Protein backbone atom coordinates (compact mmCIF):
# COMPACT_ATOMS: atom_id res chain seq x y z
CA MET A 1 23.37 -58.75 -20.04
CA ARG A 2 26.89 -60.00 -19.32
CA TYR A 3 28.29 -56.89 -20.98
CA THR A 4 25.84 -54.69 -19.09
CA PHE A 5 26.76 -56.09 -15.68
CA THR A 6 30.47 -55.99 -16.53
CA GLU A 7 30.16 -52.31 -17.43
CA LEU A 8 28.13 -51.75 -14.28
CA GLY A 9 30.89 -53.15 -12.06
CA GLN A 10 33.59 -51.20 -13.89
CA GLY A 11 31.56 -48.01 -13.74
CA LEU A 12 30.97 -48.33 -10.00
CA ARG A 13 34.68 -48.94 -9.38
CA ARG A 14 35.84 -46.22 -11.78
CA ASN A 15 33.76 -43.48 -10.12
CA LEU A 16 33.57 -44.97 -6.63
CA SER A 17 34.07 -41.69 -4.77
CA MET A 18 31.35 -39.95 -6.80
CA HIS A 19 28.91 -42.81 -6.28
CA VAL A 20 29.63 -42.80 -2.54
CA ALA A 21 28.95 -39.05 -2.48
CA VAL A 22 25.65 -39.56 -4.32
CA VAL A 23 24.61 -42.37 -1.96
CA LEU A 24 25.42 -40.34 1.15
CA THR A 25 23.63 -37.26 -0.18
CA LEU A 26 20.60 -39.36 -1.11
CA PHE A 27 20.68 -40.99 2.30
CA VAL A 28 20.68 -37.70 4.21
CA SER A 29 18.14 -35.95 1.95
CA LEU A 30 15.73 -38.90 1.93
CA THR A 31 16.08 -39.22 5.70
CA MET A 32 15.07 -35.56 6.03
CA VAL A 33 12.10 -36.19 3.73
CA GLY A 34 11.13 -39.24 5.79
CA MET A 35 11.41 -37.25 9.02
CA GLY A 36 9.14 -34.60 7.55
CA LEU A 37 6.59 -37.25 6.62
CA LEU A 38 6.74 -38.80 10.10
CA LEU A 39 6.35 -35.40 11.77
CA ASN A 40 3.35 -34.67 9.56
CA ALA A 41 1.88 -38.05 10.54
CA GLN A 42 2.49 -37.15 14.18
CA ARG A 43 0.58 -33.91 13.69
CA VAL A 44 -2.37 -35.85 12.26
CA THR A 45 -2.19 -38.38 15.10
CA THR A 46 -2.09 -35.63 17.72
CA THR A 47 -5.04 -33.87 16.08
CA GLU A 48 -7.11 -37.06 16.15
CA ALA A 49 -6.21 -37.71 19.80
CA ILE A 50 -6.60 -34.29 21.45
CA GLY A 51 -8.09 -32.05 18.78
CA SER A 52 -6.84 -29.13 16.74
CA GLU A 53 -6.36 -25.41 17.30
CA LEU A 54 -9.79 -24.85 15.75
CA GLU A 55 -11.60 -27.09 18.22
CA ILE A 56 -13.22 -26.70 21.60
CA THR A 57 -14.57 -29.65 23.54
CA VAL A 58 -17.83 -29.59 25.49
CA TRP A 59 -17.84 -32.28 28.17
CA LEU A 60 -21.28 -33.49 29.18
CA CYS A 61 -22.31 -34.30 32.73
CA ARG A 62 -21.81 -37.86 33.95
CA THR A 63 -22.71 -39.80 37.07
CA ASN A 64 -20.61 -38.69 40.07
CA ASP A 65 -19.32 -35.73 38.09
CA ASP A 66 -16.72 -33.43 39.70
CA ASN A 67 -18.82 -30.41 38.75
CA PRO A 68 -21.34 -29.77 41.55
CA ALA A 69 -23.77 -28.36 38.98
CA CYS A 70 -24.12 -31.85 37.50
CA SER A 71 -26.60 -33.68 39.68
CA SER A 72 -26.82 -36.62 37.25
CA GLU A 73 -25.79 -37.76 33.80
CA ALA A 74 -26.87 -35.53 30.92
CA THR A 75 -30.31 -36.54 29.63
CA ASN A 76 -31.29 -36.94 25.99
CA ALA A 77 -33.32 -33.73 26.16
CA GLN A 78 -30.33 -31.83 27.49
CA LYS A 79 -28.10 -33.27 24.76
CA GLU A 80 -30.58 -32.21 22.07
CA ALA A 81 -30.70 -28.68 23.50
CA ILE A 82 -26.90 -28.46 23.50
CA LEU A 83 -26.62 -29.72 19.91
CA LYS A 84 -29.30 -27.26 18.77
CA VAL A 85 -27.30 -24.34 20.19
CA VAL A 86 -24.15 -25.66 18.52
CA GLU A 87 -25.82 -26.10 15.14
CA GLU A 88 -27.31 -22.60 15.15
CA ASN A 89 -24.17 -20.75 16.25
CA PRO A 90 -22.48 -18.83 13.37
CA GLU A 91 -19.00 -19.40 14.80
CA VAL A 92 -19.28 -23.19 14.38
CA SER A 93 -17.99 -24.88 11.24
CA SER A 94 -18.87 -28.45 12.23
CA TYR A 95 -19.09 -30.74 15.21
CA ARG A 96 -18.87 -34.40 16.16
CA ILE A 97 -20.11 -36.39 19.12
CA GLU A 98 -17.72 -38.66 20.98
CA THR A 99 -19.53 -41.44 22.83
CA LYS A 100 -18.41 -43.11 26.03
CA GLU A 101 -17.35 -46.17 24.03
CA ARG A 102 -15.20 -44.14 21.63
CA ALA A 103 -13.61 -42.25 24.53
CA PHE A 104 -12.83 -45.61 26.18
CA GLU A 105 -11.25 -46.90 22.96
CA LYS A 106 -8.99 -43.82 22.83
CA VAL A 107 -7.93 -44.42 26.44
CA LYS A 108 -7.08 -48.05 25.64
CA GLU A 109 -5.14 -47.04 22.52
CA GLN A 110 -3.18 -44.54 24.56
CA TYR A 111 -2.38 -46.62 27.65
CA GLY A 112 -2.72 -50.17 26.30
CA ALA A 113 -5.77 -52.42 26.27
CA ASP A 114 -4.19 -54.84 28.75
CA GLN A 115 -4.48 -52.19 31.45
CA PHE A 116 -8.27 -52.54 31.38
CA ASP A 117 -8.67 -56.32 31.21
CA GLY A 118 -9.93 -58.50 34.00
CA PRO A 119 -13.07 -58.54 36.17
CA ASN A 120 -12.19 -55.30 38.02
CA PRO A 121 -10.62 -52.86 35.51
CA ILE A 122 -9.37 -49.51 36.79
CA ILE A 123 -11.87 -47.71 34.56
CA THR A 124 -14.80 -48.59 32.30
CA ALA A 125 -16.62 -46.87 29.48
CA ASP A 126 -19.50 -45.92 31.81
CA ALA A 127 -17.13 -43.86 33.95
CA LEU A 128 -16.14 -41.61 31.04
CA PRO A 129 -18.16 -38.59 29.88
CA GLU A 130 -19.67 -38.04 26.47
CA SER A 131 -18.38 -34.98 24.66
CA VAL A 132 -19.09 -32.71 21.71
CA TRP A 133 -16.05 -31.67 19.66
CA ILE A 134 -16.76 -28.34 17.95
CA THR A 135 -14.68 -27.09 15.02
CA LEU A 136 -14.60 -23.31 14.73
CA LYS A 137 -14.57 -21.30 11.52
CA ASP A 138 -11.96 -18.97 13.00
CA ALA A 139 -9.73 -19.84 15.95
CA LYS A 140 -9.95 -16.23 17.16
CA GLU A 141 -13.73 -16.21 17.29
CA PHE A 142 -14.83 -18.56 20.04
CA GLU A 143 -16.36 -16.40 22.78
CA GLY A 144 -19.87 -16.64 21.33
CA ILE A 145 -20.16 -20.42 21.25
CA THR A 146 -18.33 -20.79 24.57
CA SER A 147 -20.65 -18.43 26.43
CA ALA A 148 -23.73 -19.92 24.72
CA VAL A 149 -22.91 -23.48 25.74
CA ALA A 150 -21.36 -22.87 29.16
CA GLY A 151 -24.62 -22.16 30.97
CA LEU A 152 -26.67 -25.01 29.51
CA ASP A 153 -27.95 -27.86 31.63
CA GLY A 154 -25.98 -31.05 31.10
CA VAL A 155 -22.66 -29.28 30.40
CA SER A 156 -19.87 -30.13 32.85
CA LYS A 157 -16.98 -28.09 31.43
CA ILE A 158 -15.51 -26.70 28.23
CA THR A 159 -11.92 -27.27 27.09
CA ASP A 160 -10.25 -24.83 24.73
CA GLN A 161 -7.86 -26.88 22.60
CA ARG A 162 -5.97 -23.86 21.30
CA GLU A 163 -3.80 -23.41 24.39
CA LEU A 164 -3.39 -27.16 24.85
CA VAL A 165 -2.20 -28.10 21.37
CA GLY A 166 -1.05 -24.78 19.92
CA LYS A 167 2.51 -25.04 21.24
CA ILE A 168 2.77 -28.72 20.29
CA PHE A 169 1.68 -28.03 16.72
CA ARG A 170 4.02 -25.06 16.37
CA VAL A 171 6.99 -27.21 17.42
CA LEU A 172 5.94 -30.02 15.05
CA ASP A 173 5.47 -27.58 12.16
CA VAL A 174 8.89 -25.99 12.72
CA LEU A 175 10.56 -29.40 12.81
CA LYS A 176 8.63 -30.63 9.76
CA TRP A 177 9.34 -27.63 7.55
CA SER A 178 12.96 -27.48 8.69
CA SER A 179 13.42 -31.13 7.71
CA LEU A 180 11.76 -30.62 4.34
CA GLY A 181 13.76 -27.42 3.73
CA VAL A 182 17.07 -29.17 4.39
CA ALA A 183 15.86 -32.10 2.27
CA ALA A 184 15.08 -29.78 -0.67
CA ALA A 185 18.59 -28.29 -0.57
CA LEU A 186 20.16 -31.75 -0.37
CA ILE A 187 17.99 -33.04 -3.21
CA VAL A 188 19.33 -30.27 -5.45
CA THR A 189 22.85 -31.26 -4.39
CA ALA A 190 22.09 -34.91 -5.18
CA LEU A 191 20.83 -33.99 -8.66
CA LEU A 192 24.02 -32.04 -9.35
CA LEU A 193 26.14 -34.96 -8.14
CA VAL A 194 24.21 -37.38 -10.34
CA GLY A 195 24.80 -35.09 -13.32
CA ASN A 196 28.55 -34.92 -12.62
CA THR A 197 28.73 -38.68 -12.15
CA ILE A 198 27.03 -39.31 -15.49
CA ARG A 199 29.31 -36.82 -17.23
CA LEU A 200 32.46 -38.43 -15.81
CA ALA A 201 31.22 -41.93 -16.61
CA ALA A 202 30.35 -40.94 -20.19
CA MET A 203 33.75 -39.29 -20.72
CA ALA A 204 35.55 -42.37 -19.35
CA ARG A 205 33.64 -44.64 -21.77
CA ARG A 206 33.72 -42.32 -24.74
CA ARG A 207 35.85 -44.61 -26.89
CA GLU A 208 33.75 -47.67 -26.01
CA ILE A 209 30.55 -45.81 -26.83
CA GLY A 210 31.99 -44.75 -30.20
CA ILE A 211 32.88 -48.34 -31.08
CA MET A 212 29.43 -49.57 -30.01
CA ARG A 213 27.76 -47.01 -32.25
CA LEU A 214 29.92 -48.08 -35.19
CA VAL A 215 28.79 -51.69 -34.79
CA GLY A 216 25.12 -50.64 -34.59
CA ALA A 217 24.39 -50.79 -30.85
CA SER A 218 21.08 -49.18 -29.91
CA ASN A 219 20.80 -46.18 -27.60
CA PHE A 220 19.00 -48.31 -25.03
CA TYR A 221 21.80 -50.91 -25.01
CA ILE A 222 24.39 -48.18 -24.46
CA LEU A 223 22.21 -46.58 -21.79
CA LEU A 224 21.63 -49.73 -19.71
CA PRO A 225 24.86 -49.62 -17.64
CA PHE A 226 24.15 -46.01 -16.69
CA LEU A 227 20.60 -46.88 -15.66
CA PHE A 228 21.78 -49.79 -13.53
CA GLU A 229 24.33 -47.55 -11.81
CA ALA A 230 21.53 -45.09 -11.03
CA LEU A 231 19.31 -47.87 -9.66
CA VAL A 232 22.12 -49.31 -7.50
CA THR A 233 22.89 -45.94 -5.90
CA ALA A 234 19.16 -45.31 -5.39
CA ALA A 235 18.64 -48.74 -3.80
CA ILE A 236 21.54 -48.27 -1.38
CA GLY A 237 20.37 -44.75 -0.46
CA ALA A 238 16.78 -45.96 0.09
CA ALA A 239 17.96 -48.91 2.22
CA LEU A 240 20.11 -46.65 4.41
CA THR A 241 17.16 -44.27 4.76
CA ALA A 242 14.84 -47.09 5.81
CA GLY A 243 17.39 -48.18 8.41
CA SER A 244 17.83 -44.68 9.84
CA LEU A 245 14.06 -44.11 10.05
CA ALA A 246 13.65 -47.50 11.74
CA ALA A 247 16.31 -46.52 14.29
CA PHE A 248 14.48 -43.22 14.89
CA MET A 249 11.16 -45.03 15.37
CA HIS A 250 12.61 -47.61 17.78
CA PHE A 251 14.95 -45.48 19.89
CA GLY A 252 13.35 -42.06 19.47
CA VAL A 253 9.63 -42.90 19.52
CA ILE A 254 8.86 -46.44 20.77
CA GLU A 255 11.57 -46.55 23.44
CA GLY A 256 11.83 -42.78 23.86
CA VAL A 257 9.01 -40.25 23.93
CA ASP A 258 6.31 -42.93 23.95
CA GLN A 259 7.65 -44.14 27.30
CA GLN A 260 8.27 -40.70 28.79
CA LEU A 261 5.22 -38.86 27.44
CA ALA A 262 2.58 -41.59 27.52
CA PHE A 263 -0.27 -39.08 27.83
CA LEU A 264 0.12 -38.29 24.10
CA GLU A 265 -0.56 -40.70 21.26
CA TRP A 266 2.49 -41.25 19.04
CA ILE A 267 3.03 -42.52 15.53
CA GLY A 268 3.51 -46.24 14.92
CA TRP A 269 5.10 -48.62 12.47
CA ASP A 270 2.31 -48.12 9.93
CA ASP A 271 3.43 -44.50 9.61
CA TYR A 272 7.03 -45.71 9.29
CA TRP A 273 6.21 -48.02 6.40
CA SER A 274 4.29 -45.23 4.68
CA ALA A 275 7.35 -42.96 4.94
CA VAL A 276 9.62 -45.75 3.65
CA PHE A 277 7.28 -46.31 0.71
CA TRP A 278 7.41 -42.67 -0.40
CA THR A 279 11.16 -42.28 0.11
CA SER A 280 11.74 -45.52 -1.81
CA LEU A 281 9.78 -44.08 -4.72
CA LEU A 282 11.65 -40.79 -4.55
CA ALA A 283 15.11 -42.39 -4.51
CA PRO A 284 15.08 -43.88 -8.05
CA ALA A 285 13.30 -40.78 -9.36
CA LEU A 286 16.23 -38.65 -8.17
CA THR A 287 18.77 -40.82 -10.00
CA VAL A 288 17.00 -42.39 -12.99
CA ILE A 289 15.27 -39.25 -14.33
CA PRO A 290 18.50 -37.15 -14.43
CA THR A 291 20.26 -40.14 -16.02
CA LEU A 292 17.68 -40.38 -18.80
CA VAL A 293 17.78 -36.63 -19.41
CA LEU A 294 21.55 -36.10 -19.31
CA THR A 295 22.62 -39.19 -21.25
CA ARG A 296 20.93 -37.72 -24.35
CA LYS A 297 23.64 -35.08 -24.24
CA TYR A 298 26.71 -36.92 -22.96
CA LEU A 299 26.30 -40.14 -24.96
CA LYS A 300 26.40 -38.43 -28.34
CA VAL A 301 29.67 -39.27 -30.05
């Protein structure tokens, strides 16, 4: 191992500029991958919070409803009639019922549970309406279910999620695919840089490798310094990526849009750690696999 670590230090110093180029390329490409993962997580979070482009929301009557047609809270019989119409409509793919309690939990998640503590909270679960979230088979075919439900007793209003979330999702999708597209190009660049680094390192150690083969050194023993170089560059690239994603989460999300656009639910640190996990797995794959493949060619003496 002393020889291996000695060769590792010499190899890193000998091809310092190439290793720096690999690290920086890994850093930028993995950051783009991580951004794509975070944007995809944001799309999922937004869908769970306000629905998708395939959903319409039927809000049921509540006590003191703004709709003058609602004289009282929707009864069980009225709810059953509404659900029967929903189930029998051919435009409906599926549906789910959101209770007052679940709606209240979403409000607390969005604005903070501490806002609703104390003996006289600003709002309670009883003040919120129940709702039926309907998923359509086709986003363009919605008139039938909308007209069928709109005139039923117990229905306060209907919200079409397509106009509400369509623009948000289009922006998120453009950002996500742009990030992943740039990441793909940079990953190819990183693979080429890794290949050039291995070739230069093998040429610089050609005489040493020849001597080691003459004394009976195994392929794995000769390969170890190259593998360690690949792991070091991958570890540095992954660490820089984790730092950049953490900075984005703190300054861009937690202290940025989450403060200015509090009406939307934003990704959290759990999503950050998930992105770090996947980028940390990708980093060594981008350096170790090319090393294993290319050393079969360049280490033959």
